[in-house]
Amino acid sequence: MSALNLLDIAPDTDPHRPRPGVQRVLSADGANLILFSFAPGQSLPDHKAAHPITVQALRGELDFSYGSETITLTPGSIVHLPAYEVHKVEATSESGNPSTPAILLLTMLTK
């Protein structure tokens, strides 16, 4: 069993960079957990994952786009995508600041 406090171990973010801070926090049987910390305006442009994923907002607001649809993720919101689906994530202007960045949890379902 592994127990983590995700908000305590979230990576730092540099607001002067276009990409969020990123850190893999768990690699386990069937899943990888990856945390992203976004300053306002930072983004992950169009990309895809080799496995099915879930993305969940833990803090702040993040715009999640898939195809022509964009939804705003807020704490507690979660989205599931099959493998190889193009998507992007962008921190909104309401995403906080560098001392309290928006936090996104990506769970890669490897089995």
PDB file of N, CA and C in Angstrom:
ATOM      1  N   MET A   1       0.844  -1.179   0.000  1.00  0.00           N
ATOM      2  CA  MET A   1       0.000   0.000   0.000  1.00  0.00           C
ATOM      3  C   MET A   1       0.887   1.239   0.000  1.00  0.00           C
ATOM      4  N   SER A   2       0.461   2.250  -0.726  1.00  0.00           N
ATOM      5  CA  SER A   2       1.163   3.533  -0.741  1.00  0.00           C
ATOM      6  C   SER A   2       0.173   4.626  -0.379  1.00  0.00           C
ATOM      7  N   ALA A   3       0.580   5.518   0.514  1.00  0.00           N
ATOM      8  CA  ALA A   3      -0.265   6.649   0.913  1.00  0.00           C
ATOM      9  C   ALA A   3       0.503   7.938   0.656  1.00  0.00           C
ATOM     10  N   LEU A   4      -0.153   8.891  -0.006  1.00  0.00           N
ATOM     11  CA  LEU A   4       0.494  10.150  -0.371  1.00  0.00           C
ATOM     12  C   LEU A   4      -0.439  11.318  -0.075  1.00  0.00           C
ATOM     13  N   ASN A   5       0.119  12.445   0.361  1.00  0.00           N
ATOM     14  CA  ASN A   5      -0.635  13.698   0.422  1.00  0.00           C
ATOM     15  C   ASN A   5      -0.216  14.502  -0.803  1.00  0.00           C
ATOM     16  N   LEU A   6      -1.041  14.469  -1.830  1.00  0.00           N
ATOM     17  CA  LEU A   6      -0.652  15.015  -3.129  1.00  0.00           C
ATOM     18  C   LEU A   6      -0.395  16.514  -3.113  1.00  0.00           C
ATOM     19  N   LEU A   7      -1.159  17.268  -2.339  1.00  0.00           N
ATOM     20  CA  LEU A   7      -0.938  18.715  -2.303  1.00  0.00           C
ATOM     21  C   LEU A   7       0.384  19.058  -1.635  1.00  0.00           C
ATOM     22  N   ASP A   8       0.829  18.214  -0.711  1.00  0.00           N
ATOM     23  CA  ASP A   8       2.108  18.461  -0.036  1.00  0.00           C
ATOM     24  C   ASP A   8       3.317  18.150  -0.912  1.00  0.00           C
ATOM     25  N   ILE A   9       3.153  17.259  -1.880  1.00  0.00           N
ATOM     26  CA  ILE A   9       4.305  16.837  -2.683  1.00  0.00           C
ATOM     27  C   ILE A   9       4.250  17.349  -4.122  1.00  0.00           C
ATOM     28  N   ALA A  10       3.306  18.227  -4.420  1.00  0.00           N
ATOM     29  CA  ALA A  10       3.191  18.775  -5.777  1.00  0.00           C
ATOM     30  C   ALA A  10       4.469  19.521  -6.157  1.00  0.00           C
ATOM     31  N   PRO A  11       4.872  19.438  -7.415  1.00  0.00           N
ATOM     32  CA  PRO A  11       6.108  20.109  -7.842  1.00  0.00           C
ATOM     33  C   PRO A  11       5.952  21.627  -7.844  1.00  0.00           C
ATOM     34  N   ASP A  12       7.087  22.301  -7.778  1.00  0.00           N
ATOM     35  CA  ASP A  12       7.088  23.759  -7.924  1.00  0.00           C
ATOM     36  C   ASP A  12       6.836  24.109  -9.385  1.00  0.00           C
ATOM     37  N   THR A  13       6.359  25.324  -9.603  1.00  0.00           N
ATOM     38  CA  THR A  13       6.188  25.813 -10.965  1.00  0.00           C
ATOM     39  C   THR A  13       6.932  27.130 -11.121  1.00  0.00           C
ATOM     40  N   ASP A  14       7.427  27.369 -12.314  1.00  0.00           N
ATOM     41  CA  ASP A  14       8.115  28.619 -12.624  1.00  0.00           C
ATOM     42  C   ASP A  14       7.200  29.428 -13.539  1.00  0.00           C
ATOM     43  N   PRO A  15       6.620  30.531 -13.057  1.00  0.00           N
ATOM     44  CA  PRO A  15       5.662  31.290 -13.863  1.00  0.00           C
ATOM     45  C   PRO A  15       6.267  31.901 -15.125  1.00  0.00           C
ATOM     46  N   HIS A  16       7.594  31.903 -15.235  1.00  0.00           N
ATOM     47  CA  HIS A  16       8.252  32.453 -16.415  1.00  0.00           C
ATOM     48  C   HIS A  16       8.417  31.418 -17.526  1.00  0.00           C
ATOM     49  N   ARG A  17       8.021  30.185 -17.258  1.00  0.00           N
ATOM     50  CA  ARG A  17       8.110  29.122 -18.264  1.00  0.00           C
ATOM     51  C   ARG A  17       6.719  28.847 -18.837  1.00  0.00           C
ATOM     52  N   PRO A  18       6.640  28.405 -20.072  1.00  0.00           N
ATOM     53  CA  PRO A  18       5.323  28.152 -20.673  1.00  0.00           C
ATOM     54  C   PRO A  18       4.672  26.852 -20.206  1.00  0.00           C
ATOM     55  N   ARG A  19       5.466  25.948 -19.630  1.00  0.00           N
ATOM     56  CA  ARG A  19       4.953  24.634 -19.221  1.00  0.00           C
ATOM     57  C   ARG A  19       4.883  24.532 -17.700  1.00  0.00           C
ATOM     58  N   PRO A  20       3.967  23.710 -17.210  1.00  0.00           N
ATOM     59  CA  PRO A  20       3.833  23.534 -15.761  1.00  0.00           C
ATOM     60  C   PRO A  20       4.973  22.705 -15.178  1.00  0.00           C
ATOM     61  N   GLY A  21       5.095  22.757 -13.846  1.00  0.00           N
ATOM     62  CA  GLY A  21       5.985  21.835 -13.152  1.00  0.00           C
ATOM     63  C   GLY A  21       5.383  20.441 -13.219  1.00  0.00           C
ATOM     64  N   VAL A  22       6.213  19.410 -13.275  1.00  0.00           N
ATOM     65  CA  VAL A  22       5.711  18.040 -13.392  1.00  0.00           C
ATOM     66  C   VAL A  22       6.556  17.116 -12.528  1.00  0.00           C
ATOM     67  N   GLN A  23       5.883  16.129 -11.931  1.00  0.00           N
ATOM     68  CA  GLN A  23       6.593  15.143 -11.112  1.00  0.00           C
ATOM     69  C   GLN A  23       5.786  13.852 -11.052  1.00  0.00           C
ATOM     70  N   ARG A  24       6.447  12.740 -11.404  1.00  0.00           N
ATOM     71  CA  ARG A  24       5.819  11.427 -11.204  1.00  0.00           C
ATOM     72  C   ARG A  24       5.915  11.125  -9.713  1.00  0.00           C
ATOM     73  N   VAL A  25       4.788  10.836  -9.096  1.00  0.00           N
ATOM     74  CA  VAL A  25       4.787  10.604  -7.652  1.00  0.00           C
ATOM     75  C   VAL A  25       4.555   9.144  -7.290  1.00  0.00           C
ATOM     76  N   LEU A  26       4.112   8.338  -8.258  1.00  0.00           N
ATOM     77  CA  LEU A  26       3.914   6.921  -7.976  1.00  0.00           C
ATOM     78  C   LEU A  26       3.939   6.145  -9.283  1.00  0.00           C
ATOM     79  N   SER A  27       4.699   5.065  -9.281  1.00  0.00           N
ATOM     80  CA  SER A  27       4.693   4.117 -10.381  1.00  0.00           C
ATOM     81  C   SER A  27       4.393   2.772  -9.751  1.00  0.00           C
ATOM     82  N   ALA A  28       3.179   2.269  -9.974  1.00  0.00           N
ATOM     83  CA  ALA A  28       2.732   1.063  -9.282  1.00  0.00           C
ATOM     84  C   ALA A  28       2.079   0.115 -10.282  1.00  0.00           C
ATOM     85  N   ASP A  29       1.741  -1.056  -9.818  1.00  0.00           N
ATOM     86  CA  ASP A  29       1.100  -2.058 -10.644  1.00  0.00           C
ATOM     87  C   ASP A  29      -0.234  -1.524 -11.168  1.00  0.00           C
ATOM     88  N   GLY A  30      -0.307  -1.255 -12.457  1.00  0.00           N
ATOM     89  CA  GLY A  30      -1.556  -0.832 -13.074  1.00  0.00           C
ATOM     90  C   GLY A  30      -1.762   0.660 -13.206  1.00  0.00           C
ATOM     91  N   ALA A  31      -0.924   1.477 -12.576  1.00  0.00           N
ATOM     92  CA  ALA A  31      -1.137   2.927 -12.658  1.00  0.00           C
ATOM     93  C   ALA A  31       0.144   3.703 -12.380  1.00  0.00           C
ATOM     94  N   ASN A  32       0.259   4.832 -13.045  1.00  0.00           N
ATOM     95  CA  ASN A  32       1.283   5.835 -12.742  1.00  0.00           C
ATOM     96  C   ASN A  32       0.553   7.110 -12.371  1.00  0.00           C
ATOM     97  N   LEU A  33       0.984   7.767 -11.296  1.00  0.00           N
ATOM     98  CA  LEU A  33       0.406   9.044 -10.884  1.00  0.00           C
ATOM     99  C   LEU A  33       1.414  10.144 -11.158  1.00  0.00           C
ATOM    100  N   ILE A  34       0.964  11.169 -11.863  1.00  0.00           N
ATOM    101  CA  ILE A  34       1.827  12.288 -12.231  1.00  0.00           C
ATOM    102  C   ILE A  34       1.123  13.575 -11.831  1.00  0.00           C
ATOM    103  N   LEU A  35       1.837  14.434 -11.098  1.00  0.00           N
ATOM    104  CA  LEU A  35       1.290  15.722 -10.666  1.00  0.00           C
ATOM    105  C   LEU A  35       1.844  16.839 -11.538  1.00  0.00           C
ATOM    106  N   PHE A  36       0.971  17.779 -11.873  1.00  0.00           N
ATOM    107  CA  PHE A  36       1.348  18.981 -12.609  1.00  0.00           C
ATOM    108  C   PHE A  36       0.956  20.192 -11.779  1.00  0.00           C
ATOM    109  N   SER A  37       1.828  21.199 -11.721  1.00  0.00           N
ATOM    110  CA  SER A  37       1.552  22.472 -11.047  1.00  0.00           C
ATOM    111  C   SER A  37       1.579  23.573 -12.098  1.00  0.00           C
ATOM    112  N   PHE A  38       0.456  24.278 -12.253  1.00  0.00           N
ATOM    113  CA  PHE A  38       0.297  25.298 -13.285  1.00  0.00           C
ATOM    114  C   PHE A  38       0.196  26.689 -12.676  1.00  0.00           C
ATOM    115  N   ALA A  39       1.024  27.611 -13.145  1.00  0.00           N
ATOM    116  CA  ALA A  39       0.815  29.031 -12.875  1.00  0.00           C
ATOM    117  C   ALA A  39      -0.195  29.527 -13.915  1.00  0.00           C
ATOM    118  N   PRO A  40      -0.888  30.637 -13.656  1.00  0.00           N
ATOM    119  CA  PRO A  40      -1.846  31.153 -14.640  1.00  0.00           C
ATOM    120  C   PRO A  40      -1.203  31.305 -16.023  1.00  0.00           C
ATOM    121  N   GLY A  41      -1.900  30.803 -17.048  1.00  0.00           N
ATOM    122  CA  GLY A  41      -1.425  30.914 -18.420  1.00  0.00           C
ATOM    123  C   GLY A  41      -0.543  29.777 -18.897  1.00  0.00           C
ATOM    124  N   GLN A  42      -0.027  28.951 -18.001  1.00  0.00           N
ATOM    125  CA  GLN A  42       0.792  27.815 -18.436  1.00  0.00           C
ATOM    126  C   GLN A  42      -0.103  26.750 -19.058  1.00  0.00           C
ATOM    127  N   SER A  43       0.481  25.952 -19.967  1.00  0.00           N
ATOM    128  CA  SER A  43      -0.331  24.955 -20.653  1.00  0.00           C
ATOM    129  C   SER A  43       0.482  23.730 -21.047  1.00  0.00           C
ATOM    130  N   LEU A  44      -0.252  22.676 -21.337  1.00  0.00           N
ATOM    131  CA  LEU A  44       0.265  21.489 -22.014  1.00  0.00           C
ATOM    132  C   LEU A  44      -0.454  21.464 -23.355  1.00  0.00           C
ATOM    133  N   PRO A  45       0.220  21.849 -24.456  1.00  0.00           N
ATOM    134  CA  PRO A  45      -0.462  21.893 -25.753  1.00  0.00           C
ATOM    135  C   PRO A  45      -0.862  20.496 -26.213  1.00  0.00           C
ATOM    136  N   ASP A  46      -1.541  20.424 -27.350  1.00  0.00           N
ATOM    137  CA  ASP A  46      -2.042  19.150 -27.866  1.00  0.00           C
ATOM    138  C   ASP A  46      -1.015  18.036 -27.709  1.00  0.00           C
ATOM    139  N   HIS A  47      -1.472  16.934 -27.113  1.00  0.00           N
ATOM    140  CA  HIS A  47      -0.634  15.756 -26.926  1.00  0.00           C
ATOM    141  C   HIS A  47      -1.559  14.561 -26.719  1.00  0.00           C
ATOM    142  N   LYS A  48      -0.979  13.373 -26.618  1.00  0.00           N
ATOM    143  CA  LYS A  48      -1.761  12.168 -26.347  1.00  0.00           C
ATOM    144  C   LYS A  48      -0.954  11.226 -25.480  1.00  0.00           C
ATOM    145  N   ALA A  49      -1.654  10.330 -24.816  1.00  0.00           N
ATOM    146  CA  ALA A  49      -1.024   9.364 -23.913  1.00  0.00           C
ATOM    147  C   ALA A  49      -1.148   7.963 -24.507  1.00  0.00           C
ATOM    148  N   ALA A  50      -0.167   7.130 -24.243  1.00  0.00           N
ATOM    149  CA  ALA A  50      -0.149   5.766 -24.771  1.00  0.00           C
ATOM    150  C   ALA A  50      -1.079   4.818 -24.019  1.00  0.00           C
ATOM    151  N   HIS A  51      -1.664   5.288 -22.925  1.00  0.00           N
ATOM    152  CA  HIS A  51      -2.568   4.474 -22.104  1.00  0.00           C
ATOM    153  C   HIS A  51      -3.828   5.280 -21.811  1.00  0.00           C
ATOM    154  N   PRO A  52      -4.919   4.619 -21.409  1.00  0.00           N
ATOM    155  CA  PRO A  52      -6.072   5.372 -20.921  1.00  0.00           C
ATOM    156  C   PRO A  52      -5.645   6.209 -19.710  1.00  0.00           C
ATOM    157  N   ILE A  53      -6.281   7.362 -19.534  1.00  0.00           N
ATOM    158  CA  ILE A  53      -5.924   8.256 -18.432  1.00  0.00           C
ATOM    159  C   ILE A  53      -7.167   8.818 -17.761  1.00  0.00           C
ATOM    160  N   THR A  54      -6.971   9.262 -16.528  1.00  0.00           N
ATOM    161  CA  THR A  54      -7.909  10.179 -15.897  1.00  0.00           C
ATOM    162  C   THR A  54      -7.118  11.420 -15.529  1.00  0.00           C
ATOM    163  N   VAL A  55      -7.774  12.574 -15.593  1.00  0.00           N
ATOM    164  CA  VAL A  55      -7.178  13.820 -15.129  1.00  0.00           C
ATOM    165  C   VAL A  55      -8.152  14.436 -14.138  1.00  0.00           C
ATOM    166  N   GLN A  56      -7.604  14.898 -13.024  1.00  0.00           N
ATOM    167  CA  GLN A  56      -8.431  15.419 -11.942  1.00  0.00           C
ATOM    168  C   GLN A  56      -7.819  16.700 -11.406  1.00  0.00           C
ATOM    169  N   ALA A  57      -8.641  17.740 -11.284  1.00  0.00           N
ATOM    170  CA  ALA A  57      -8.185  18.988 -10.671  1.00  0.00           C
ATOM    171  C   ALA A  57      -8.186  18.811  -9.156  1.00  0.00           C
ATOM    172  N   LEU A  58      -7.070  19.142  -8.539  1.00  0.00           N
ATOM    173  CA  LEU A  58      -6.968  19.093  -7.081  1.00  0.00           C
ATOM    174  C   LEU A  58      -7.033  20.485  -6.469  1.00  0.00           C
ATOM    175  N   ARG A  59      -6.569  21.486  -7.239  1.00  0.00           N
ATOM    176  CA  ARG A  59      -6.605  22.875  -6.774  1.00  0.00           C
ATOM    177  C   ARG A  59      -6.632  23.798  -7.992  1.00  0.00           C
ATOM    178  N   GLY A  60      -7.368  24.902  -7.905  1.00  0.00           N
ATOM    179  CA  GLY A  60      -7.418  25.880  -8.985  1.00  0.00           C
ATOM    180  C   GLY A  60      -8.372  25.480 -10.097  1.00  0.00           C
ATOM    181  N   GLU A  61      -8.296  26.207 -11.208  1.00  0.00           N
ATOM    182  CA  GLU A  61      -9.131  25.958 -12.382  1.00  0.00           C
ATOM    183  C   GLU A  61      -8.252  25.704 -13.594  1.00  0.00           C
ATOM    184  N   LEU A  62      -8.633  24.695 -14.368  1.00  0.00           N
ATOM    185  CA  LEU A  62      -7.881  24.310 -15.563  1.00  0.00           C
ATOM    186  C   LEU A  62      -8.859  24.037 -16.695  1.00  0.00           C
ATOM    187  N   ASP A  63      -8.565  24.565 -17.878  1.00  0.00           N
ATOM    188  CA  ASP A  63      -9.373  24.265 -19.056  1.00  0.00           C
ATOM    189  C   ASP A  63      -8.811  23.020 -19.722  1.00  0.00           C
ATOM    190  N   PHE A  64      -9.666  22.007 -19.870  1.00  0.00           N
ATOM    191  CA  PHE A  64      -9.296  20.739 -20.491  1.00  0.00           C
ATOM    192  C   PHE A  64     -10.023  20.658 -21.826  1.00  0.00           C
ATOM    193  N   SER A  65      -9.267  20.524 -22.910  1.00  0.00           N
ATOM    194  CA  SER A  65      -9.855  20.487 -24.251  1.00  0.00           C
ATOM    195  C   SER A  65      -9.603  19.137 -24.902  1.00  0.00           C
ATOM    196  N   TYR A  66     -10.661  18.632 -25.532  1.00  0.00           N
ATOM    197  CA  TYR A  66     -10.633  17.352 -26.227  1.00  0.00           C
ATOM    198  C   TYR A  66     -11.514  17.525 -27.463  1.00  0.00           C
ATOM    199  N   GLY A  67     -10.933  17.386 -28.640  1.00  0.00           N
ATOM    200  CA  GLY A  67     -11.710  17.652 -29.851  1.00  0.00           C
ATOM    201  C   GLY A  67     -12.145  19.110 -29.864  1.00  0.00           C
ATOM    202  N   SER A  68     -13.420  19.341 -30.105  1.00  0.00           N
ATOM    203  CA  SER A  68     -13.937  20.714 -30.130  1.00  0.00           C
ATOM    204  C   SER A  68     -14.547  21.126 -28.793  1.00  0.00           C
ATOM    205  N   GLU A  69     -14.437  20.279 -27.784  1.00  0.00           N
ATOM    206  CA  GLU A  69     -15.050  20.549 -26.481  1.00  0.00           C
ATOM    207  C   GLU A  69     -14.002  21.001 -25.466  1.00  0.00           C
ATOM    208  N   THR A  70     -14.337  22.019 -24.680  1.00  0.00           N
ATOM    209  CA  THR A  70     -13.493  22.474 -23.578  1.00  0.00           C
ATOM    210  C   THR A  70     -14.342  22.536 -22.325  1.00  0.00           C
ATOM    211  N   ILE A  71     -13.836  21.940 -21.248  1.00  0.00           N
ATOM    212  CA  ILE A  71     -14.518  22.037 -19.958  1.00  0.00           C
ATOM    213  C   ILE A  71     -13.547  22.635 -18.949  1.00  0.00           C
ATOM    214  N   THR A  72     -14.083  23.312 -17.966  1.00  0.00           N
ATOM    215  CA  THR A  72     -13.259  23.859 -16.893  1.00  0.00           C
ATOM    216  C   THR A  72     -13.267  22.872 -15.739  1.00  0.00           C
ATOM    217  N   LEU A  73     -12.084  22.370 -15.418  1.00  0.00           N
ATOM    218  CA  LEU A  73     -11.932  21.469 -14.277  1.00  0.00           C
ATOM    219  C   LEU A  73     -11.722  22.305 -13.022  1.00  0.00           C
ATOM    220  N   THR A  74     -12.467  21.997 -11.986  1.00  0.00           N
ATOM    221  CA  THR A  74     -12.306  22.614 -10.674  1.00  0.00           C
ATOM    222  C   THR A  74     -12.054  21.487  -9.681  1.00  0.00           C
ATOM    223  N   PRO A  75     -11.611  21.787  -8.461  1.00  0.00           N
ATOM    224  CA  PRO A  75     -11.308  20.715  -7.514  1.00  0.00           C
ATOM    225  C   PRO A  75     -12.458  19.711  -7.386  1.00  0.00           C
ATOM    226  N   GLY A  76     -12.104  18.456  -7.581  1.00  0.00           N
ATOM    227  CA  GLY A  76     -13.077  17.374  -7.537  1.00  0.00           C
ATOM    228  C   GLY A  76     -13.545  16.928  -8.909  1.00  0.00           C
ATOM    229  N   SER A  77     -13.303  17.728  -9.958  1.00  0.00           N
ATOM    230  CA  SER A  77     -13.686  17.345 -11.323  1.00  0.00           C
ATOM    231  C   SER A  77     -12.700  16.315 -11.859  1.00  0.00           C
ATOM    232  N   ILE A  78     -13.232  15.353 -12.616  1.00  0.00           N
ATOM    233  CA  ILE A  78     -12.377  14.318 -13.193  1.00  0.00           C
ATOM    234  C   ILE A  78     -12.862  13.987 -14.601  1.00  0.00           C
ATOM    235  N   VAL A  79     -11.919  13.665 -15.482  1.00  0.00           N
ATOM    236  CA  VAL A  79     -12.209  13.298 -16.869  1.00  0.00           C
ATOM    237  C   VAL A  79     -11.453  12.012 -17.176  1.00  0.00           C
ATOM    238  N   HIS A  80     -12.076  11.125 -17.948  1.00  0.00           N
ATOM    239  CA  HIS A  80     -11.418   9.906 -18.420  1.00  0.00           C
ATOM    240  C   HIS A  80     -11.280   9.994 -19.939  1.00  0.00           C
ATOM    241  N   LEU A  81     -10.118   9.583 -20.445  1.00  0.00           N
ATOM    242  CA  LEU A  81      -9.891   9.513 -21.893  1.00  0.00           C
ATOM    243  C   LEU A  81      -9.281   8.163 -22.255  1.00  0.00           C
ATOM    244  N   PRO A  82      -9.690   7.589 -23.390  1.00  0.00           N
ATOM    245  CA  PRO A  82      -9.016   6.391 -23.874  1.00  0.00           C
ATOM    246  C   PRO A  82      -7.598   6.720 -24.353  1.00  0.00           C
ATOM    247  N   ALA A  83      -6.824   5.698 -24.597  1.00  0.00           N
ATOM    248  CA  ALA A  83      -5.450   5.884 -25.094  1.00  0.00           C
ATOM    249  C   ALA A  83      -5.453   6.588 -26.446  1.00  0.00           C
ATOM    250  N   TYR A  84      -4.402   7.358 -26.690  1.00  0.00           N
ATOM    251  CA  TYR A  84      -4.105   8.012 -27.966  1.00  0.00           C
ATOM    252  C   TYR A  84      -5.124   9.068 -28.398  1.00  0.00           C
ATOM    253  N   GLU A  85      -5.879   9.633 -27.473  1.00  0.00           N
ATOM    254  CA  GLU A  85      -6.808  10.719 -27.800  1.00  0.00           C
ATOM    255  C   GLU A  85      -6.109  12.058 -27.569  1.00  0.00           C
ATOM    256  N   VAL A  86      -6.092  12.914 -28.575  1.00  0.00           N
ATOM    257  CA  VAL A  86      -5.424  14.215 -28.473  1.00  0.00           C
ATOM    258  C   VAL A  86      -6.216  15.117 -27.527  1.00  0.00           C
ATOM    259  N   HIS A  87      -5.495  15.778 -26.631  1.00  0.00           N
ATOM    260  CA  HIS A  87      -6.114  16.684 -25.659  1.00  0.00           C
ATOM    261  C   HIS A  87      -5.096  17.736 -25.243  1.00  0.00           C
ATOM    262  N   LYS A  88      -5.565  18.782 -24.571  1.00  0.00           N
ATOM    263  CA  LYS A  88      -4.657  19.801 -24.044  1.00  0.00           C
ATOM    264  C   LYS A  88      -5.230  20.349 -22.749  1.00  0.00           C
ATOM    265  N   VAL A  89      -4.351  20.964 -21.955  1.00  0.00           N
ATOM    266  CA  VAL A  89      -4.730  21.530 -20.659  1.00  0.00           C
ATOM    267  C   VAL A  89      -4.110  22.915 -20.549  1.00  0.00           C
ATOM    268  N   GLU A  90      -4.898  23.870 -20.061  1.00  0.00           N
ATOM    269  CA  GLU A  90      -4.388  25.227 -19.859  1.00  0.00           C
ATOM    270  C   GLU A  90      -4.919  25.778 -18.547  1.00  0.00           C
ATOM    271  N   ALA A  91      -4.035  26.408 -17.794  1.00  0.00           N
ATOM    272  CA  ALA A  91      -4.444  27.058 -16.551  1.00  0.00           C
ATOM    273  C   ALA A  91      -5.216  28.326 -16.889  1.00  0.00           C
ATOM    274  N   THR A  92      -6.324  28.534 -16.219  1.00  0.00           N
ATOM    275  CA  THR A  92      -7.110  29.748 -16.435  1.00  0.00           C
ATOM    276  C   THR A  92      -6.509  30.896 -15.635  1.00  0.00           C
ATOM    277  N   SER A  93      -7.031  32.069 -15.840  1.00  0.00           N
ATOM    278  CA  SER A  93      -6.557  33.227 -15.064  1.00  0.00           C
ATOM    279  C   SER A  93      -6.957  33.105 -13.602  1.00  0.00           C
ATOM    280  N   GLU A  94      -7.882  32.180 -13.296  1.00  0.00           N
ATOM    281  CA  GLU A  94      -8.326  31.953 -11.915  1.00  0.00           C
ATOM    282  C   GLU A  94      -7.518  30.844 -11.248  1.00  0.00           C
ATOM    283  N   SER A  95      -6.427  30.437 -11.857  1.00  0.00           N
ATOM    284  CA  SER A  95      -5.683  29.264 -11.407  1.00  0.00           C
ATOM    285  C   SER A  95      -4.814  29.486 -10.186  1.00  0.00           C
ATOM    286  N   GLY A  96      -4.830  30.636  -9.626  1.00  0.00           N
ATOM    287  CA  GLY A  96      -3.995  30.886  -8.458  1.00  0.00           C
ATOM    288  C   GLY A  96      -2.768  31.680  -8.846  1.00  0.00           C
ATOM    289  N   ASN A  97      -1.700  31.485  -8.118  1.00  0.00           N
ATOM    290  CA  ASN A  97      -0.454  32.204  -8.367  1.00  0.00           C
ATOM    291  C   ASN A  97       0.702  31.255  -8.102  1.00  0.00           C
ATOM    292  N   PRO A  98       1.932  31.661  -8.354  1.00  0.00           N
ATOM    293  CA  PRO A  98       3.056  30.732  -8.182  1.00  0.00           C
ATOM    294  C   PRO A  98       3.170  30.141  -6.777  1.00  0.00           C
ATOM    295  N   SER A  99       2.704  30.855  -5.760  1.00  0.00           N
ATOM    296  CA  SER A  99       2.803  30.291  -4.407  1.00  0.00           C
ATOM    297  C   SER A  99       1.674  29.301  -4.123  1.00  0.00           C
ATOM    298  N   THR A 100       0.572  29.372  -4.867  1.00  0.00           N
ATOM    299  CA  THR A 100      -0.517  28.395  -4.758  1.00  0.00           C
ATOM    300  C   THR A 100      -0.988  28.026  -6.164  1.00  0.00           C
ATOM    301  N   PRO A 101      -0.175  27.295  -6.916  1.00  0.00           N
ATOM    302  CA  PRO A 101      -0.519  26.980  -8.306  1.00  0.00           C
ATOM    303  C   PRO A 101      -1.701  26.014  -8.396  1.00  0.00           C
ATOM    304  N   ALA A 102      -2.316  25.977  -9.571  1.00  0.00           N
ATOM    305  CA  ALA A 102      -3.335  24.965  -9.844  1.00  0.00           C
ATOM    306  C   ALA A 102      -2.636  23.609  -9.915  1.00  0.00           C
ATOM    307  N   ILE A 103      -3.276  22.592  -9.347  1.00  0.00           N
ATOM    308  CA  ILE A 103      -2.678  21.253  -9.313  1.00  0.00           C
ATOM    309  C   ILE A 103      -3.583  20.283 -10.068  1.00  0.00           C
ATOM    310  N   LEU A 104      -2.982  19.522 -10.977  1.00  0.00           N
ATOM    311  CA  LEU A 104      -3.679  18.512 -11.762  1.00  0.00           C
ATOM    312  C   LEU A 104      -3.048  17.157 -11.487  1.00  0.00           C
ATOM    313  N   LEU A 105      -3.887  16.156 -11.236  1.00  0.00           N
ATOM    314  CA  LEU A 105      -3.419  14.781 -11.069  1.00  0.00           C
ATOM    315  C   LEU A 105      -3.757  13.999 -12.329  1.00  0.00           C
ATOM    316  N   LEU A 106      -2.739  13.446 -12.960  1.00  0.00           N
ATOM    317  CA  LEU A 106      -2.904  12.550 -14.098  1.00  0.00           C
ATOM    318  C   LEU A 106      -2.682  11.128 -13.602  1.00  0.00           C
ATOM    319  N   THR A 107      -3.644  10.260 -13.859  1.00  0.00           N
ATOM    320  CA  THR A 107      -3.482   8.840 -13.563  1.00  0.00           C
ATOM    321  C   THR A 107      -3.433   8.104 -14.890  1.00  0.00           C
ATOM    322  N   MET A 108      -2.300   7.490 -15.167  1.00  0.00           N
ATOM    323  CA  MET A 108      -2.132   6.704 -16.378  1.00  0.00           C
ATOM    324  C   MET A 108      -2.432   5.254 -16.014  1.00  0.00           C
ATOM    325  N   LEU A 109      -3.456   4.696 -16.656  1.00  0.00           N
ATOM    326  CA  LEU A 109      -3.920   3.339 -16.351  1.00  0.00           C
ATOM    327  C   LEU A 109      -3.168   2.364 -17.248  1.00  0.00           C
ATOM    328  N   THR A 110      -2.142   1.746 -16.697  1.00  0.00           N
ATOM    329  CA  THR A 110      -1.201   0.973 -17.505  1.00  0.00           C
ATOM    330  C   THR A 110      -1.579  -0.488 -17.694  1.00  0.00           C
ATOM    331  N   LYS A 111      -2.665  -0.923 -17.098  1.00  0.00           N
ATOM    332  CA  LYS A 111      -3.123  -2.312 -17.312  1.00  0.00           C
ATOM    333  C   LYS A 111      -4.509  -2.323 -17.866  1.00  0.00           C
TER     334      LYS A 111
END
